[in-house]
Amino acid sequence: MRWRHRAEGFAGQRLVVVPRPILTTVMHYPLLKALLPTDAGFYPKAKGHKAVREHGCPEAIFIYCSEGKGWCEIAGQMHEVDQNQLLVIPPLHAACVRR
C-alpha cells in the first residue's frame, strides 16, 4: 500500500490550545504542573496523516484511535495502533506517527 501524506486540514477536525500566558501562570502551582493538558485535538478523518518529531517534544502525547488503524515508531520501535486503542508517546522521545 502506498501512503499519501496530508499535513493539516482534515474534515471535521477540532483543536483547542490553552493560551501560553495561562500555562505560564498555572505552572507555578505544584499540583497542576505535572497534570496540565496544553492542547487537545479531534481528527475524525485523518487517513494519510503523518507526523514526525525527530527530537520529540517536552510534553507527553496521547493519541486515541476511535476508528481505523495506524502505526507509530517511537525511538526505533514500531507500534501498531488499532481501533479503540490509546497510544502514549513519552516526553522527549523521537516519533513518527502514520494513519
C-alpha atoms as a PDB file:
ATOM      1  CA  MET A   1       0.000   0.000   0.000  1.00  0.00           C
ATOM      2  CA  ARG A   2       1.216   3.494  -0.798  1.00  0.00           C
ATOM      3  CA  TRP A   3       0.856   6.289   1.755  1.00  0.00           C
ATOM      4  CA  ARG A   4      -0.363   9.732   0.778  1.00  0.00           C
ATOM      5  CA  HIS A   5       0.722  12.340   3.273  1.00  0.00           C
ATOM      6  CA  ARG A   6      -1.516  15.138   4.468  1.00  0.00           C
ATOM      7  CA  ALA A   7      -0.169  17.844   6.724  1.00  0.00           C
ATOM      8  CA  GLU A   8      -3.155  19.686   8.209  1.00  0.00           C
ATOM      9  CA  GLY A   9      -6.752  20.475   7.425  1.00  0.00           C
ATOM     10  CA  PHE A  10      -8.822  17.322   7.992  1.00  0.00           C
ATOM     11  CA  ALA A  11     -12.595  17.340   7.604  1.00  0.00           C
ATOM     12  CA  GLY A  12     -14.276  17.784  10.982  1.00  0.00           C
ATOM     13  CA  GLN A  13     -11.083  18.440  12.918  1.00  0.00           C
ATOM     14  CA  ARG A  14     -11.162  20.465  16.127  1.00  0.00           C
ATOM     15  CA  LEU A  15      -8.220  21.776  18.106  1.00  0.00           C
ATOM     16  CA  VAL A  16      -8.119  23.569  21.449  1.00  0.00           C
ATOM     17  CA  VAL A  17      -4.862  25.122  22.653  1.00  0.00           C
ATOM     18  CA  VAL A  18      -4.510  26.628  26.131  1.00  0.00           C
ATOM     19  CA  PRO A  19      -3.044  30.132  25.710  1.00  0.00           C
ATOM     20  CA  ARG A  20       0.616  30.138  26.682  1.00  0.00           C
ATOM     21  CA  PRO A  21       0.266  33.047  29.196  1.00  0.00           C
ATOM     22  CA  ILE A  22      -2.224  30.898  31.134  1.00  0.00           C
ATOM     23  CA  LEU A  23       0.186  27.953  31.067  1.00  0.00           C
ATOM     24  CA  THR A  24       2.951  30.172  32.421  1.00  0.00           C
ATOM     25  CA  THR A  25       0.740  31.194  35.347  1.00  0.00           C
ATOM     26  CA  VAL A  26      -0.515  27.682  36.098  1.00  0.00           C
ATOM     27  CA  MET A  27       2.992  26.190  36.049  1.00  0.00           C
ATOM     28  CA  HIS A  28       3.584  27.867  39.434  1.00  0.00           C
ATOM     29  CA  TYR A  29       1.035  25.541  41.090  1.00  0.00           C
ATOM     30  CA  PRO A  30       2.740  22.266  42.088  1.00  0.00           C
ATOM     31  CA  LEU A  31      -0.453  20.155  41.865  1.00  0.00           C
ATOM     32  CA  LEU A  32      -1.205  21.254  38.303  1.00  0.00           C
ATOM     33  CA  LYS A  33       2.319  21.424  36.929  1.00  0.00           C
ATOM     34  CA  ALA A  34       2.614  17.701  36.130  1.00  0.00           C
ATOM     35  CA  LEU A  35      -1.008  17.145  35.067  1.00  0.00           C
ATOM     36  CA  LEU A  36      -1.780  20.082  32.810  1.00  0.00           C
ATOM     37  CA  PRO A  37      -3.099  19.341  29.319  1.00  0.00           C
ATOM     38  CA  THR A  38      -1.852  22.006  26.916  1.00  0.00           C
ATOM     39  CA  ASP A  39      -3.517  21.035  23.637  1.00  0.00           C
ATOM     40  CA  ALA A  40      -6.420  18.771  22.691  1.00  0.00           C
ATOM     41  CA  GLY A  41      -7.468  17.812  19.201  1.00  0.00           C
ATOM     42  CA  PHE A  42     -10.046  15.700  17.437  1.00  0.00           C
ATOM     43  CA  TYR A  43      -9.225  14.470  13.929  1.00  0.00           C
ATOM     44  CA  PRO A  44     -12.014  12.141  12.776  1.00  0.00           C
ATOM     45  CA  LYS A  45     -10.876  11.782   9.169  1.00  0.00           C
ATOM     46  CA  ALA A  46      -7.086  11.701   9.347  1.00  0.00           C
ATOM     47  CA  LYS A  47      -6.345   8.946   6.829  1.00  0.00           C
ATOM     48  CA  GLY A  48      -2.985   9.607   5.195  1.00  0.00           C
ATOM     49  CA  HIS A  49      -1.753  11.790   8.069  1.00  0.00           C
ATOM     50  CA  LYS A  50       1.911  11.648   9.029  1.00  0.00           C
ATOM     51  CA  ALA A  51       3.570  13.481  11.907  1.00  0.00           C
ATOM     52  CA  VAL A  52       7.303  13.310  12.616  1.00  0.00           C
ATOM     53  CA  ARG A  53       9.003  14.638  15.722  1.00  0.00           C
ATOM     54  CA  GLU A  54      12.683  13.883  15.280  1.00  0.00           C
ATOM     55  CA  HIS A  55      13.611  15.195  18.722  1.00  0.00           C
ATOM     56  CA  GLY A  56      10.300  14.636  20.484  1.00  0.00           C
ATOM     57  CA  CYS A  57       8.616  17.409  22.428  1.00  0.00           C
ATOM     58  CA  PRO A  58       8.619  18.381  26.116  1.00  0.00           C
ATOM     59  CA  GLU A  59       5.072  17.089  26.665  1.00  0.00           C
ATOM     60  CA  ALA A  60       3.646  13.571  26.620  1.00  0.00           C
ATOM     61  CA  ILE A  61       1.328  12.949  23.657  1.00  0.00           C
ATOM     62  CA  PHE A  62      -1.817  10.817  23.969  1.00  0.00           C
ATOM     63  CA  ILE A  63      -3.407   9.560  20.739  1.00  0.00           C
ATOM     64  CA  TYR A  64      -6.693   7.681  20.881  1.00  0.00           C
ATOM     65  CA  CYS A  65      -7.729   5.789  17.748  1.00  0.00           C
ATOM     66  CA  SER A  66     -11.533   5.815  17.592  1.00  0.00           C
ATOM     67  CA  GLU A  67     -11.709   4.000  14.246  1.00  0.00           C
ATOM     68  CA  GLY A  68      -9.396   2.672  11.572  1.00  0.00           C
ATOM     69  CA  LYS A  69      -5.786   1.929  12.398  1.00  0.00           C
ATOM     70  CA  GLY A  70      -2.278   3.265  12.046  1.00  0.00           C
ATOM     71  CA  TRP A  71       1.192   2.874  13.434  1.00  0.00           C
ATOM     72  CA  CYS A  72       3.822   4.782  15.327  1.00  0.00           C
ATOM     73  CA  GLU A  73       7.554   4.385  15.558  1.00  0.00           C
ATOM     74  CA  ILE A  74       8.857   5.526  18.938  1.00  0.00           C
ATOM     75  CA  ALA A  75      12.614   5.576  19.471  1.00  0.00           C
ATOM     76  CA  GLY A  76      13.093   2.989  16.719  1.00  0.00           C
ATOM     77  CA  GLN A  77      10.391   0.565  17.926  1.00  0.00           C
ATOM     78  CA  MET A  78       7.241   0.032  15.815  1.00  0.00           C
ATOM     79  CA  HIS A  79       3.788   0.069  17.467  1.00  0.00           C
ATOM     80  CA  GLU A  80       0.561  -0.755  15.632  1.00  0.00           C
ATOM     81  CA  VAL A  81      -2.488   1.183  16.788  1.00  0.00           C
ATOM     82  CA  ASP A  82      -5.963  -0.258  16.177  1.00  0.00           C
ATOM     83  CA  GLN A  83      -9.480   0.969  16.818  1.00  0.00           C
ATOM     84  CA  ASN A  84     -10.218   1.776  20.490  1.00  0.00           C
ATOM     85  CA  GLN A  85      -6.550   1.819  21.479  1.00  0.00           C
ATOM     86  CA  LEU A  86      -4.605   4.594  23.171  1.00  0.00           C
ATOM     87  CA  LEU A  87      -1.016   5.378  22.240  1.00  0.00           C
ATOM     88  CA  VAL A  88       1.242   7.331  24.600  1.00  0.00           C
ATOM     89  CA  ILE A  89       4.393   8.983  23.306  1.00  0.00           C
ATOM     90  CA  PRO A  90       6.601   9.899  26.281  1.00  0.00           C
ATOM     91  CA  PRO A  91       8.176  13.362  26.523  1.00  0.00           C
ATOM     92  CA  LEU A  92      11.389  13.902  24.540  1.00  0.00           C
ATOM     93  CA  HIS A  93      11.036  10.660  22.518  1.00  0.00           C
ATOM     94  CA  ALA A  94      11.514  10.815  18.762  1.00  0.00           C
ATOM     95  CA  ALA A  95       8.387   9.553  16.992  1.00  0.00           C
ATOM     96  CA  CYS A  96       6.790   9.089  13.589  1.00  0.00           C
ATOM     97  CA  VAL A  97       3.002   8.600  13.519  1.00  0.00           C
ATOM     98  CA  ARG A  98       1.028   7.484  10.457  1.00  0.00           C
ATOM     99  CA  ARG A  99      -2.672   6.917   9.950  1.00  0.00           C
END
